[in-house]
Structure formats: C-alpha cells, structure tokens
Protein backbone atom coordinates (compact mmCIF):
# COMPACT_ATOMS: atom_id res chain seq x y z
CA ALA A 1 -3.91 -33.34 9.05
CA GLY A 2 -0.88 -35.36 8.10
CA LEU A 3 0.27 -32.61 5.66
CA PHE A 4 -0.04 -30.14 8.43
CA CYS A 5 1.76 -32.36 11.32
CA ASN A 6 4.61 -33.21 8.97
CA ALA A 7 5.48 -29.62 8.32
CA VAL A 8 5.00 -28.72 11.92
CA THR A 9 7.45 -31.46 12.68
CA LYS A 10 10.06 -30.53 10.14
CA LEU A 11 9.34 -27.18 11.23
CA ALA A 12 10.31 -27.61 15.00
CA SER A 13 13.36 -29.47 13.89
CA THR A 14 14.84 -27.02 11.82
CA HIS A 15 13.79 -23.49 12.85
CA PRO A 16 14.95 -22.60 16.47
CA VAL A 17 12.52 -19.53 16.76
CA VAL A 18 8.58 -20.25 17.53
CA PRO A 19 6.65 -19.22 14.90
CA GLY A 20 4.25 -15.92 15.09
CA SER A 21 6.08 -14.87 18.31
CA LEU A 22 6.66 -11.22 18.37
CA GLY A 23 10.69 -11.44 18.12
CA SER A 24 10.70 -13.67 15.22
CA GLY A 25 8.20 -11.42 13.30
CA LEU A 26 10.81 -8.89 13.60
CA GLU A 27 13.71 -11.07 12.76
CA TYR A 28 11.79 -12.02 9.50
CA GLU A 29 11.36 -8.34 8.79
CA ALA A 30 14.85 -7.81 8.94
CA LYS A 31 15.62 -11.02 6.64
CA LEU A 32 13.22 -9.57 4.25
CA TYR A 33 14.86 -6.45 4.03
CA ALA A 34 18.15 -7.87 3.89
CA ALA A 35 17.19 -10.06 0.88
CA LEU A 36 15.81 -7.17 -1.00
CA HIS A 37 19.07 -5.18 -0.47
CA ALA A 38 21.23 -8.12 -1.65
CA ALA A 39 18.95 -8.29 -4.65
CA ASP A 40 19.28 -4.36 -5.07
CA VAL A 41 15.44 -3.54 -5.06
CA PRO A 42 14.42 -0.57 -3.92
CA TYR A 43 11.78 -0.37 -1.66
CA TRP A 44 10.12 1.58 1.39
CA SER A 45 9.89 -0.19 4.88
CA GLU A 46 6.97 -0.17 6.97
CA GLN A 47 8.61 2.55 9.17
CA ASP A 48 9.15 4.70 6.16
CA LEU A 49 5.60 4.71 5.14
CA ARG A 50 4.33 5.02 8.72
CA LYS A 51 6.82 8.19 9.22
CA ARG A 52 4.80 9.33 6.23
CA GLY A 53 1.39 8.98 8.20
CA LEU A 54 0.26 5.81 6.27
CA PHE A 55 -1.59 3.37 8.66
CA LYS A 56 -2.18 0.19 6.47
CA THR A 57 1.03 -0.83 5.48
CA PRO A 58 2.88 -3.74 3.91
CA ASP A 59 6.50 -4.87 5.35
CA ALA A 60 7.99 -3.74 2.01
CA LEU A 61 6.28 -1.17 -0.50
CA LEU A 62 8.43 -1.69 -3.60
CA GLN A 63 9.53 1.57 -5.47
CA ILE A 64 9.33 -0.12 -8.92
CA PRO A 65 7.68 -3.11 -9.16
CA ILE A 66 9.38 -6.62 -9.59
CA CYS A 67 8.07 -9.74 -11.02
CA VAL A 68 8.62 -13.05 -9.66
CA ALA A 69 8.26 -16.49 -11.02
CA GLY A 70 5.42 -18.85 -9.82
CA SER A 71 6.45 -22.61 -9.39
CA SER A 72 4.35 -23.30 -12.90
CA GLY A 73 6.65 -20.69 -14.68
CA ASP A 74 3.98 -18.26 -14.72
CA TRP A 75 5.06 -14.53 -13.80
CA HIS A 76 3.60 -12.40 -11.27
CA VAL A 77 3.94 -8.66 -10.76
CA VAL A 78 4.80 -7.32 -7.39
CA HIS A 79 4.38 -4.03 -6.08
CA TRP A 80 4.51 -4.87 -2.35
CA ILE A 81 5.84 -7.70 0.06
CA ASP A 82 4.50 -8.94 3.66
CA SER A 83 6.78 -11.18 5.89
CA LYS A 84 5.12 -13.65 7.87
CA ALA A 85 6.93 -15.47 10.64
CA SER A 86 4.15 -18.39 10.54
CA PHE A 87 3.01 -21.55 8.88
CA GLY A 88 0.29 -20.47 6.24
CA ASP A 89 -2.95 -22.45 6.76
CA ASP A 90 -6.25 -21.93 5.05
CA ARG A 91 -7.88 -20.08 8.25
CA THR A 92 -4.73 -17.56 8.44
CA HIS A 93 -4.57 -16.87 4.93
CA SER A 94 -8.26 -16.26 4.49
CA GLN A 95 -8.17 -14.17 7.57
CA GLN A 96 -5.27 -12.05 6.28
CA LEU A 97 -6.30 -12.04 2.73
CA GLU A 98 -9.68 -10.24 3.84
CA GLY A 99 -8.36 -8.27 6.62
CA GLN A 100 -4.94 -6.80 5.39
CA TYR A 101 -3.94 -7.92 1.82
CA ARG A 102 -7.09 -6.97 0.28
CA THR A 103 -6.39 -3.20 1.75
CA TYR A 104 -2.79 -3.39 -0.03
CA ILE A 105 -4.31 -4.89 -3.04
CA ASN A 106 -6.53 -1.69 -3.44
CA ARG A 107 -3.83 0.95 -2.55
CA TYR A 108 -0.70 -0.57 -4.08
CA GLY A 109 -1.67 -3.40 -6.54
CA PRO A 110 -0.64 -7.16 -6.55
CA GLY A 111 1.74 -8.14 -4.18
CA LEU A 112 3.65 -11.11 -2.57
CA VAL A 113 3.31 -13.03 0.85
CA ILE A 114 5.93 -14.81 2.35
CA TYR A 115 5.27 -17.60 4.81
CA TRP A 116 8.46 -17.93 6.18
CA PHE A 117 7.81 -21.52 7.97
CA GLY A 118 6.04 -23.10 4.74
CA PHE A 119 2.16 -23.15 3.92
CA LEU A 120 -0.23 -26.01 2.82
CA ALA A 121 0.27 -26.58 -0.57
CA ASP A 122 -3.42 -26.63 -1.42
CA LEU A 123 -3.68 -22.75 0.09
CA THR A 124 -5.63 -20.92 -2.42
CA ASN A 125 -3.11 -18.58 -4.24
CA ASP A 126 -5.11 -15.58 -5.05
CA SER A 127 -4.38 -14.07 -8.75
CA GLU A 128 -3.18 -10.54 -6.90
CA VAL A 129 -1.38 -12.11 -3.82
CA HIS A 130 1.30 -14.62 -4.47
CA ILE A 131 2.64 -16.76 -1.79
CA THR A 132 5.96 -18.56 -1.30
CA ASP A 133 8.27 -19.48 1.32
CA THR A 134 11.03 -17.93 0.57
CA PHE A 135 12.40 -14.61 -0.70
CA PRO A 136 12.93 -15.33 -4.64
CA SER A 137 16.03 -16.18 -6.33
CA SER A 138 17.67 -14.15 -8.92
CA ASN A 139 16.61 -16.36 -11.72
CA LYS A 140 12.84 -16.06 -10.35
CA LEU A 141 13.11 -12.24 -10.19
CA MET A 142 13.18 -9.92 -12.73
CA GLN A 143 13.48 -6.29 -12.48
CA LEU A 144 12.93 -3.25 -14.46
CA PRO A 145 16.38 -1.61 -15.73
CA ARG A 146 17.41 1.17 -13.76
CA LEU A 147 18.36 4.77 -15.48
CA GLU A 148 21.38 6.57 -14.41
CA LEU A 149 20.95 10.12 -13.73
CA PRO A 150 23.83 12.64 -14.56
CA ALA A 151 25.25 14.17 -11.13
CA GLY A 152 23.55 17.30 -9.88
CA THR A 153 20.07 16.72 -11.06
CA GLY A 154 19.19 17.59 -7.55
CA ALA A 155 17.35 14.04 -7.66
CA ALA A 156 17.94 12.79 -3.85
CA ALA A 157 17.26 9.21 -2.80
CA GLY A 158 16.27 10.42 0.45
CA PRO A 159 17.21 9.52 4.18
CA ALA A 160 17.32 5.66 3.92
CA SER A 161 20.12 3.46 2.34
CA HIS A 162 17.32 1.32 0.81
CA LEU A 163 15.61 4.42 -1.07
CA ALA A 164 18.18 3.80 -4.02
CA VAL A 165 15.83 5.40 -6.97
CA PRO A 166 14.97 8.85 -7.32
CA ARG A 167 11.25 9.11 -8.14
CA ALA A 168 12.36 10.84 -11.45
CA ALA A 169 14.35 7.58 -12.41
CA ALA A 170 11.25 5.59 -11.56
CA ALA A 171 8.77 7.39 -13.38
CA ALA A 172 11.32 7.64 -16.67
CA THR A 173 11.74 3.85 -16.34
CA ALA A 174 8.09 3.08 -15.99
CA ALA A 175 7.50 5.05 -19.27
CA SER A 176 9.92 3.54 -21.03
CA PHE A 177 7.92 0.29 -20.67
CA MET A 178 4.63 2.03 -22.25
CA PRO A 179 3.06 0.56 -25.28
CA VAL A 180 3.89 3.11 -28.24
CA GLN A 181 0.79 4.26 -29.61
C-alpha cells in the first residue's frame, strides 16, 4: 500500500490531469501519436482501423513491428501499442489483459502498453504484453530498415501522413529478414 500511496502522491504533484479522465485519455493518445511520428514509426491509428471496419483496436497498430528493450536488457517484439492515461495496478492490468490485450495478441501479435502515470513495480509483465510508463527512447527502440521505392511505382502511402511505408515495401523489408534456407 505504501508503494501505491507514494506513486499517487508523486502523480498528483507532477501531473495536472486527473488519471483516467476522458480528456486525459485523448491527450495521452495524442502524446503517443506524436512520439511515433518523432521516432518515424509508421502506424495506423485507432481511428484509421475503425474506418476500415475493425472494432477491437489498439491505439496504434504498427505497420512494421519494432523491438523495444526491457529494463533487464531483453528485447520485445511490438506489433501494437495501447496508451493508458492511468496508473497500472494489478486489478486494472489483469482486467485489461483478459478483456482487451488478449484480443490484440490473438489478432496482431505481442504489444506494448504505456501506463503514462506509472505502474506497480511487481506488476505481472506478460511475455506478450510489455509494460512501460513512457514511449521508448531511441536507444531502446529498434526498427527494421526501410526500402526506398523508385518514383512512379504506384505504391501510395494512403490518406494519412502517418501511413509512411507502402505495403509492398513493408512486405519486402520483412522478407529480407527471413532466414535463408
């Protein structure tokens, strides 16, 4: 209980937004999208996915998976990211894991959850859901190299500016990392 109280006290003194409020949720989704743009990670937003008719969607589905370094130096493959403007405790995380994250894992593969207001140090870190309290810094983020397509190939990025990698380039890049038989 002391760890939780200390975290809440720190939270109240450093964050002007009330965790879990509707406005802060949208604000922290925008913070996630800005971080993805700054890191040059192409993604589809939750709104993009809903326009395509998907209804169980993370905040960001990455067009090309990334790897994120954990606190112990191990690397985690990330296909999707969900932004939580809340503090991650056991009850909240286990409810989200079963009610939301398992769906994402089944559809898209392993992912990353950002609890912007921190999380309990002993929170169970599922092998397919990496937990953090900030977007990974450049030294903790690894991306696949991108292929440049010649002009006039007809591979359009799509209507949104964050759809930066044409599907053909993504497939070719992924294929270049397949083991040689």
